[in-house]
N, C-alpha and C. Protein backbone atom coordinates (compact mmCIF):
# COMPACT_ATOMS: atom_id res chain seq x y z
N MET A 1 43.40 34.53 -153.66
CA MET A 1 44.30 34.96 -153.15
C MET A 1 45.44 34.40 -153.08
N ASN A 2 44.98 32.90 -152.18
CA ASN A 2 46.20 32.19 -152.00
C ASN A 2 47.56 32.24 -153.38
N SER A 3 46.46 31.44 -154.45
CA SER A 3 47.36 31.07 -155.45
C SER A 3 48.01 32.78 -155.94
N GLY A 4 47.37 33.83 -156.02
CA GLY A 4 47.87 35.18 -156.28
C GLY A 4 49.36 35.59 -155.28
N LEU A 5 49.71 35.19 -153.81
CA LEU A 5 50.56 34.96 -153.59
C LEU A 5 51.54 33.80 -153.41
N LYS A 6 51.13 33.06 -154.25
CA LYS A 6 52.06 32.06 -154.13
C LYS A 6 52.97 32.00 -155.73
N ASN A 7 51.95 32.55 -156.46
CA ASN A 7 52.55 32.97 -157.84
C ASN A 7 53.75 34.47 -157.43
N SER A 8 53.35 35.23 -156.71
CA SER A 8 54.47 36.66 -156.64
C SER A 8 55.47 35.64 -156.00
N LYS A 9 55.28 35.16 -155.14
CA LYS A 9 56.44 34.35 -154.48
C LYS A 9 57.18 34.05 -155.14
N TRP A 10 56.68 32.99 -156.19
CA TRP A 10 57.79 32.25 -157.02
C TRP A 10 58.41 33.58 -158.14
N LYS A 11 57.70 34.55 -158.55
CA LYS A 11 57.95 35.36 -159.13
C LYS A 11 58.76 36.26 -158.79
N GLU A 12 58.98 36.29 -157.65
CA GLU A 12 60.16 37.01 -156.19
C GLU A 12 61.41 36.25 -156.58
N ILE A 13 61.09 34.70 -156.31
CA ILE A 13 62.17 33.78 -156.48
C ILE A 13 63.22 33.64 -157.20
N LEU A 14 62.29 34.12 -158.54
CA LEU A 14 62.85 33.88 -160.02
C LEU A 14 63.52 34.82 -160.51
N CYS A 15 63.10 35.72 -160.27
CA CYS A 15 63.66 37.19 -160.75
C CYS A 15 65.10 37.29 -159.79
N LEU A 16 65.22 37.19 -158.67
CA LEU A 16 66.64 37.32 -157.86
C LEU A 16 67.33 35.87 -158.20
N GLY A 17 67.13 34.89 -158.23
CA GLY A 17 67.32 33.72 -158.99
C GLY A 17 68.56 33.96 -160.23
N ALA A 18 67.02 34.62 -161.39
CA ALA A 18 68.08 35.36 -162.53
C ALA A 18 69.06 35.88 -162.35
N VAL A 19 68.80 37.09 -161.47
CA VAL A 19 70.04 38.06 -161.44
C VAL A 19 71.28 37.29 -160.68
N LEU A 20 70.70 36.84 -159.50
CA LEU A 20 72.15 36.34 -158.99
C LEU A 20 72.88 35.33 -160.03
N ALA A 21 72.35 33.94 -161.54
CA ALA A 21 72.67 33.76 -162.22
C ALA A 21 73.59 34.55 -162.80
N VAL A 22 73.04 35.98 -163.61
CA VAL A 22 73.95 36.58 -164.12
C VAL A 22 75.55 36.63 -163.23
N VAL A 23 74.99 37.10 -161.91
CA VAL A 23 76.29 37.63 -161.25
C VAL A 23 76.95 36.32 -161.15
N ALA A 24 76.41 35.29 -160.89
CA ALA A 24 77.64 34.00 -160.92
C ALA A 24 78.21 34.04 -162.12
N ALA A 25 77.57 34.06 -163.05
CA ALA A 25 78.15 33.84 -164.55
C ALA A 25 79.52 34.87 -164.54
N THR A 26 78.98 35.75 -163.92
CA THR A 26 80.42 37.66 -164.20
C THR A 26 81.61 36.74 -163.19
N ARG A 27 81.14 35.99 -161.95
CA ARG A 27 82.44 35.21 -161.12
C ARG A 27 82.96 33.89 -161.89
N ILE A 28 82.19 33.33 -162.44
CA ILE A 28 82.51 32.43 -162.82
C ILE A 28 83.91 32.87 -164.41
N THR A 29 83.17 33.88 -165.15
CA THR A 29 84.00 34.04 -165.90
C THR A 29 85.47 35.07 -165.75
N GLY A 30 84.97 35.81 -164.09
CA GLY A 30 86.46 36.80 -164.02
C GLY A 30 87.33 35.14 -162.94
N ILE A 31 86.53 34.18 -162.35
CA ILE A 31 87.79 33.29 -162.32
C ILE A 31 88.47 32.62 -163.30
N ALA A 32 87.73 32.13 -164.35
CA ALA A 32 88.59 31.75 -165.72
C ALA A 32 89.80 32.96 -166.16
N ARG A 33 89.46 33.86 -166.33
CA ARG A 33 90.36 35.00 -167.16
C ARG A 33 91.25 35.30 -165.65
N ALA A 34 91.42 34.87 -164.85
CA ALA A 34 92.14 35.75 -163.86
C ALA A 34 93.79 34.89 -164.21
N ASP A 35 94.57 36.07 -164.59
CA ASP A 35 96.47 35.67 -164.63
C ASP A 35 96.95 35.57 -163.76
N ASN A 36 96.86 36.15 -162.35
CA ASN A 36 97.48 35.89 -161.16
C ASN A 36 96.25 36.23 -159.92
N ILE A 37 97.13 36.22 -158.73
CA ILE A 37 96.27 36.55 -157.80
C ILE A 37 96.67 37.66 -156.61
N ALA A 38 95.85 38.16 -155.98
CA ALA A 38 96.66 39.23 -155.08
C ALA A 38 97.51 38.77 -154.05
N ARG A 39 98.41 39.91 -153.55
CA ARG A 39 99.81 39.56 -152.67
C ARG A 39 98.67 38.85 -151.27
N ASP A 40 98.16 39.32 -151.07
CA ASP A 40 97.22 38.70 -149.82
C ASP A 40 96.74 37.38 -149.94
N GLY A 41 96.61 37.07 -151.33
CA GLY A 41 96.05 35.84 -151.41
C GLY A 41 97.13 35.18 -151.43
N THR A 42 98.21 35.26 -151.60
CA THR A 42 99.13 34.12 -151.71
C THR A 42 99.80 33.58 -149.90
N ILE A 43 99.65 34.54 -149.02
CA ILE A 43 99.73 34.73 -147.92
C ILE A 43 98.30 33.71 -147.00
N TYR A 44 96.87 34.09 -147.43
CA TYR A 44 95.97 33.15 -147.11
C TYR A 44 96.11 31.83 -147.88
N LEU A 45 96.84 31.37 -148.65
CA LEU A 45 97.00 30.47 -149.26
C LEU A 45 98.58 29.21 -148.66
N THR A 46 99.05 30.08 -148.39
CA THR A 46 100.31 30.27 -147.33
C THR A 46 100.18 29.24 -146.10
N MET A 47 99.44 30.17 -145.72
CA MET A 47 98.58 29.62 -144.29
C MET A 47 97.58 28.18 -144.25
N ALA A 48 96.54 28.54 -144.74
CA ALA A 48 96.14 27.44 -145.69
C ALA A 48 97.11 26.10 -145.48
N GLN A 49 98.18 26.24 -146.73
CA GLN A 49 98.52 24.95 -147.01
C GLN A 49 99.99 24.86 -145.54
N GLU A 50 100.44 25.42 -144.69
CA GLU A 50 101.11 25.37 -143.81
C GLU A 50 100.03 24.47 -142.35
N MET A 51 98.42 24.83 -142.29
CA MET A 51 98.02 23.64 -141.56
C MET A 51 97.85 22.71 -141.82
N PHE A 52 98.07 22.54 -143.03
CA PHE A 52 98.65 21.02 -143.22
C PHE A 52 99.41 20.05 -142.87
N VAL A 53 101.00 20.72 -142.55
CA VAL A 53 101.75 20.22 -141.96
C VAL A 53 102.43 20.72 -140.69
N ALA A 54 101.82 21.56 -140.60
CA ALA A 54 102.07 22.15 -139.08
C ALA A 54 100.99 22.79 -137.86
N LYS A 55 101.35 22.56 -136.94
CA LYS A 55 100.02 22.80 -135.72
C LYS A 55 99.46 23.96 -136.12
N PRO A 56 98.12 24.05 -136.24
CA PRO A 56 97.65 25.45 -136.38
C PRO A 56 97.51 26.76 -135.77
N VAL A 57 98.10 26.44 -134.41
CA VAL A 57 98.15 27.59 -133.53
C VAL A 57 99.54 28.49 -133.90
N GLU A 58 100.22 27.26 -133.92
CA GLU A 58 101.64 28.00 -134.24
C GLU A 58 101.79 28.90 -135.83
N THR A 59 100.91 28.30 -137.00
CA THR A 59 100.46 29.13 -137.89
C THR A 59 99.42 30.24 -137.87
N PHE A 60 99.02 30.41 -136.82
CA PHE A 60 97.72 31.48 -136.78
C PHE A 60 99.12 32.31 -136.18
N ASN A 61 99.64 32.19 -134.99
CA ASN A 61 100.56 32.96 -134.57
C ASN A 61 101.80 33.60 -135.16
N SER A 62 101.82 32.70 -136.55
CA SER A 62 103.33 33.41 -137.38
C SER A 62 102.93 34.31 -138.33
N TYR A 63 101.75 34.50 -138.34
CA TYR A 63 100.81 35.54 -139.58
C TYR A 63 99.89 36.64 -138.51
N ASP A 64 100.09 38.10 -139.25
CA ASP A 64 99.11 38.57 -138.75
C ASP A 64 98.15 39.45 -139.25
N TYR A 65 97.77 38.16 -140.20
CA TYR A 65 96.42 37.99 -140.52
C TYR A 65 95.45 37.41 -140.38
N HIS A 66 94.07 37.51 -140.11
CA HIS A 66 93.14 36.61 -139.47
C HIS A 66 93.00 35.53 -140.36
N PRO A 67 92.47 34.46 -139.13
CA PRO A 67 92.71 33.10 -140.31
C PRO A 67 91.70 32.13 -140.35
N GLY A 68 90.22 32.61 -140.07
CA GLY A 68 89.22 32.28 -140.67
C GLY A 68 88.98 31.83 -142.47
N TYR A 69 89.81 32.45 -143.30
CA TYR A 69 89.60 32.41 -144.74
C TYR A 69 90.49 31.31 -145.11
N SER A 70 91.58 31.48 -143.99
CA SER A 70 92.45 30.40 -144.26
C SER A 70 92.11 28.91 -143.83
N ILE A 71 91.46 28.70 -142.93
CA ILE A 71 90.69 27.62 -142.42
C ILE A 71 89.58 26.82 -143.57
N VAL A 72 88.91 27.68 -144.09
CA VAL A 72 88.11 27.36 -144.98
C VAL A 72 88.71 26.72 -146.04
N ILE A 73 89.80 27.55 -146.74
CA ILE A 73 90.12 27.01 -147.33
C ILE A 73 90.98 26.03 -147.38
N ALA A 74 91.63 25.10 -146.16
CA ALA A 74 92.18 24.25 -146.01
C ALA A 74 91.18 23.38 -146.05
N GLY A 75 89.96 23.57 -145.53
CA GLY A 75 89.29 22.33 -144.92
C GLY A 75 88.53 21.89 -146.50
N LEU A 76 88.17 22.45 -147.25
CA LEU A 76 87.98 22.57 -148.58
C LEU A 76 88.71 21.63 -149.49
N ALA A 77 89.94 22.24 -149.46
CA ALA A 77 91.09 21.88 -150.23
C ALA A 77 91.50 20.47 -149.98
N ARG A 78 90.87 20.17 -148.68
CA ARG A 78 90.98 18.63 -148.36
C ARG A 78 89.74 18.11 -148.58
N ILE A 79 88.77 18.21 -148.61
CA ILE A 79 87.51 17.45 -149.17
C ILE A 79 87.45 17.42 -150.45
N THR A 80 88.11 18.16 -151.37
CA THR A 80 87.74 17.88 -152.49
C THR A 80 89.02 17.51 -153.20
N GLY A 81 90.05 17.60 -152.23
CA GLY A 81 91.30 17.12 -153.03
C GLY A 81 92.31 17.47 -153.98
N ALA A 82 92.13 18.94 -153.69
CA ALA A 82 92.54 19.65 -155.09
C ALA A 82 94.07 19.50 -154.58
N SER A 83 94.79 20.12 -155.91
CA SER A 83 96.19 19.88 -155.98
C SER A 83 96.61 21.20 -155.47
N TRP A 84 98.07 21.05 -155.25
CA TRP A 84 98.75 22.73 -154.45
C TRP A 84 99.29 22.85 -155.95
N PRO A 85 99.61 24.19 -156.56
CA PRO A 85 98.33 25.32 -155.69
C PRO A 85 97.45 25.49 -156.48
N ASP A 86 97.59 24.83 -158.33
CA ASP A 86 96.26 25.66 -158.60
C ASP A 86 95.29 25.36 -158.24
N GLY A 87 94.98 23.72 -157.57
CA GLY A 87 93.56 23.52 -156.90
C GLY A 87 93.40 24.50 -155.95
N TRP A 88 94.11 24.67 -155.16
CA TRP A 88 94.07 25.46 -153.71
C TRP A 88 93.58 26.74 -154.24
N ILE A 89 94.51 27.52 -155.50
CA ILE A 89 93.75 28.63 -155.36
C ILE A 89 92.29 28.54 -155.94
N LEU A 90 91.57 27.60 -157.10
CA LEU A 90 90.51 27.63 -157.53
C LEU A 90 89.32 27.32 -156.19
N VAL A 91 90.07 26.65 -155.15
CA VAL A 91 88.97 26.61 -154.43
C VAL A 91 88.77 27.91 -153.69
N ALA A 92 90.08 28.61 -153.32
CA ALA A 92 90.08 29.79 -152.43
C ALA A 92 88.81 31.01 -153.55
N GLN A 93 89.32 31.16 -154.75
CA GLN A 93 88.26 31.20 -155.52
C GLN A 93 86.98 31.55 -155.37
N CYS A 94 86.55 30.03 -155.58
CA CYS A 94 85.49 29.61 -155.21
C CYS A 94 84.86 30.03 -154.20
N ILE A 95 85.47 30.15 -152.84
CA ILE A 95 85.01 30.39 -151.92
C ILE A 95 84.54 32.15 -152.02
N SER A 96 85.08 32.70 -152.65
CA SER A 96 85.54 34.39 -152.73
C SER A 96 84.05 34.67 -153.46
N ALA A 97 83.95 33.79 -154.46
CA ALA A 97 82.61 34.24 -155.03
C ALA A 97 81.56 33.40 -154.60
N SER A 98 81.60 32.58 -154.11
CA SER A 98 80.09 32.39 -153.08
C SER A 98 80.07 32.92 -152.19
N MET A 99 80.57 33.37 -151.60
CA MET A 99 80.66 34.40 -150.36
C MET A 99 80.17 35.54 -150.93
N SER A 100 80.42 35.89 -151.77
CA SER A 100 79.82 37.18 -152.75
C SER A 100 78.43 37.24 -153.34
N ILE A 101 77.76 35.63 -153.36
CA ILE A 101 76.57 35.89 -153.46
C ILE A 101 75.77 35.56 -152.30
N LEU A 102 76.49 35.24 -151.74
CA LEU A 102 75.95 35.16 -150.28
C LEU A 102 75.55 36.53 -149.68
N THR A 103 76.64 37.16 -150.22
CA THR A 103 76.32 38.82 -149.17
C THR A 103 75.14 39.19 -150.18
N LEU A 104 74.94 39.10 -151.34
CA LEU A 104 73.82 39.60 -152.23
C LEU A 104 72.66 39.26 -152.06
N LEU A 105 72.41 38.11 -151.25
CA LEU A 105 71.52 37.54 -150.33
C LEU A 105 70.87 39.08 -149.38
N GLY A 106 71.86 38.90 -149.03
CA GLY A 106 71.67 39.54 -147.90
C GLY A 106 71.46 41.32 -147.70
N VAL A 107 71.76 41.87 -149.00
CA VAL A 107 71.54 42.64 -149.65
C VAL A 107 70.00 42.83 -149.84
N TYR A 108 69.87 42.20 -150.47
CA TYR A 108 68.62 41.83 -151.36
C TYR A 108 67.98 41.70 -149.80
N TYR A 109 67.35 40.91 -148.89
CA TYR A 109 66.62 40.82 -147.49
C TYR A 109 66.97 42.10 -146.95
N ILE A 110 67.86 42.44 -146.75
CA ILE A 110 67.74 43.90 -146.15
C ILE A 110 66.99 45.18 -146.82
N THR A 111 67.73 44.91 -148.34
CA THR A 111 66.85 46.63 -149.06
C THR A 111 65.80 46.40 -149.54
N LYS A 112 64.39 44.93 -149.35
CA LYS A 112 63.64 44.76 -149.08
C LYS A 112 63.11 45.01 -148.03
N THR A 113 63.87 44.84 -146.85
CA THR A 113 62.61 45.10 -146.11
C THR A 113 62.57 46.20 -145.74
N LEU A 114 63.65 47.43 -145.76
CA LEU A 114 63.60 48.78 -146.06
C LEU A 114 62.58 49.75 -146.94
N PHE A 115 62.86 49.04 -148.34
CA PHE A 115 62.16 49.77 -149.06
C PHE A 115 61.22 48.80 -149.96
N SER A 116 61.55 48.09 -151.02
CA SER A 116 60.58 47.02 -151.56
C SER A 116 61.16 46.24 -152.64
N GLN A 117 60.52 45.32 -152.68
CA GLN A 117 60.99 44.22 -153.69
C GLN A 117 61.92 44.95 -155.20
N LYS A 118 61.49 45.61 -155.81
CA LYS A 118 61.88 46.17 -157.01
C LYS A 118 63.43 46.89 -156.63
N THR A 119 63.55 48.12 -155.17
CA THR A 119 64.21 48.13 -155.09
C THR A 119 65.75 47.20 -154.73
N ALA A 120 65.28 46.62 -153.92
CA ALA A 120 65.59 45.57 -153.85
C ALA A 120 66.72 44.56 -154.86
N LEU A 121 66.30 44.27 -155.90
CA LEU A 121 66.72 43.73 -157.00
C LEU A 121 67.36 44.51 -157.89
N LEU A 122 67.28 45.39 -157.80
CA LEU A 122 68.06 47.16 -158.46
C LEU A 122 69.10 46.78 -158.12
N SER A 123 69.33 46.63 -156.48
CA SER A 123 70.31 46.77 -155.42
C SER A 123 71.21 45.60 -155.77
N VAL A 124 70.68 45.08 -156.02
CA VAL A 124 71.48 43.43 -156.03
C VAL A 124 72.14 43.45 -157.60
N MET A 125 71.67 43.59 -158.36
CA MET A 125 72.11 43.77 -159.84
C MET A 125 73.49 44.97 -159.65
N VAL A 126 73.17 46.27 -159.16
CA VAL A 126 73.94 47.33 -159.37
C VAL A 126 75.20 46.91 -158.57
N PHE A 127 74.80 46.08 -157.28
CA PHE A 127 76.03 45.94 -156.35
C PHE A 127 76.65 44.46 -156.85
N GLY A 128 75.74 43.54 -157.01
CA GLY A 128 76.31 42.62 -158.02
C GLY A 128 77.25 42.62 -159.00
N LEU A 129 77.13 43.06 -160.17
CA LEU A 129 77.93 43.65 -160.97
C LEU A 129 78.56 44.68 -160.85
N SER A 130 78.85 45.54 -160.08
CA SER A 130 80.08 46.55 -159.66
C SER A 130 81.43 46.05 -160.19
N MET A 131 81.79 46.85 -160.55
CA MET A 131 83.30 45.95 -161.29
C MET A 131 84.25 45.70 -159.87
N GLU A 132 84.39 46.59 -158.61
CA GLU A 132 85.20 46.32 -157.93
C GLU A 132 85.06 45.43 -157.09
N PHE A 133 83.61 45.12 -156.73
CA PHE A 133 82.74 43.93 -156.00
C PHE A 133 83.25 42.72 -156.86
N THR A 134 83.25 42.74 -158.68
CA THR A 134 83.75 41.36 -158.92
C THR A 134 84.98 41.40 -159.21
N LYS A 135 86.07 42.22 -159.20
CA LYS A 135 87.17 41.61 -159.42
C LYS A 135 87.69 41.11 -157.65
N ILE A 136 86.90 41.71 -156.23
CA ILE A 136 87.47 41.02 -155.02
C ILE A 136 87.09 40.06 -155.13
N SER A 137 85.74 39.52 -155.95
CA SER A 137 84.66 38.45 -155.55
C SER A 137 85.20 37.86 -156.27
N CYS A 138 86.34 37.53 -157.73
CA CYS A 138 87.09 36.50 -158.04
C CYS A 138 88.74 36.27 -157.99
N ASP A 139 89.09 36.63 -156.97
CA ASP A 139 90.18 36.79 -156.24
C ASP A 139 90.27 36.24 -154.93
N VAL A 140 91.53 35.88 -154.68
CA VAL A 140 92.11 34.30 -153.30
C VAL A 140 91.95 36.34 -152.07
N LEU A 141 90.76 36.87 -151.74
CA LEU A 141 90.89 37.51 -150.99
C LEU A 141 89.59 37.03 -149.80
N SER A 142 89.46 37.63 -148.59
CA SER A 142 89.09 37.48 -147.45
C SER A 142 87.71 38.62 -147.87
N ASP A 143 87.98 39.29 -148.33
CA ASP A 143 86.65 40.54 -148.46
C ASP A 143 85.17 39.76 -148.58
N SER A 144 85.07 39.51 -149.58
CA SER A 144 83.52 38.55 -149.27
C SER A 144 83.28 37.69 -148.35
N MET A 145 84.60 37.01 -148.05
CA MET A 145 83.72 36.58 -146.81
C MET A 145 83.49 37.22 -145.61
N SER A 146 84.26 38.27 -145.50
CA SER A 146 84.13 38.75 -144.05
C SER A 146 82.99 39.62 -144.12
N VAL A 147 82.62 40.56 -145.03
CA VAL A 147 81.31 40.94 -146.02
C VAL A 147 80.32 40.22 -145.48
N ALA A 148 80.17 39.21 -145.87
CA ALA A 148 78.83 37.61 -145.90
C ALA A 148 78.38 37.97 -144.88
N MET A 149 79.73 38.12 -143.60
CA MET A 149 79.21 37.26 -141.88
C MET A 149 78.97 38.34 -141.72
N ALA A 150 79.40 39.46 -141.48
CA ALA A 150 79.11 40.89 -141.15
C ALA A 150 77.46 41.02 -141.03
């Protein structure tokens, strides 16, 4: 019985991993094919850049946008040594894509708790591969991060 539980747990992890790998592949493809970024994305990138040269409090007070996404962009751009602007755009897109996958883990566990494992996997596939969520997840937008943190 113990080995049956272990096998079913591994099967669950492998199935979820396979679905998330497909979703990640769509995000990578979307990022690679992106020609431009959303208008809000330019503001988030500008805020992140200004945090390097100005005082963060002044930057926060200068914009009507929440600073969380820009803080994460600025921090990861500094850690990775990304060049401005292309490297920063890629950092922001990767943050958005990563947060979308984190969101899908939340969808999986909530749906599995309320319904079943099969329903949870189907929900992750449908939501993760939906056109609109994929577009948002490949752009420089804070939406994926906001949903992941909710």
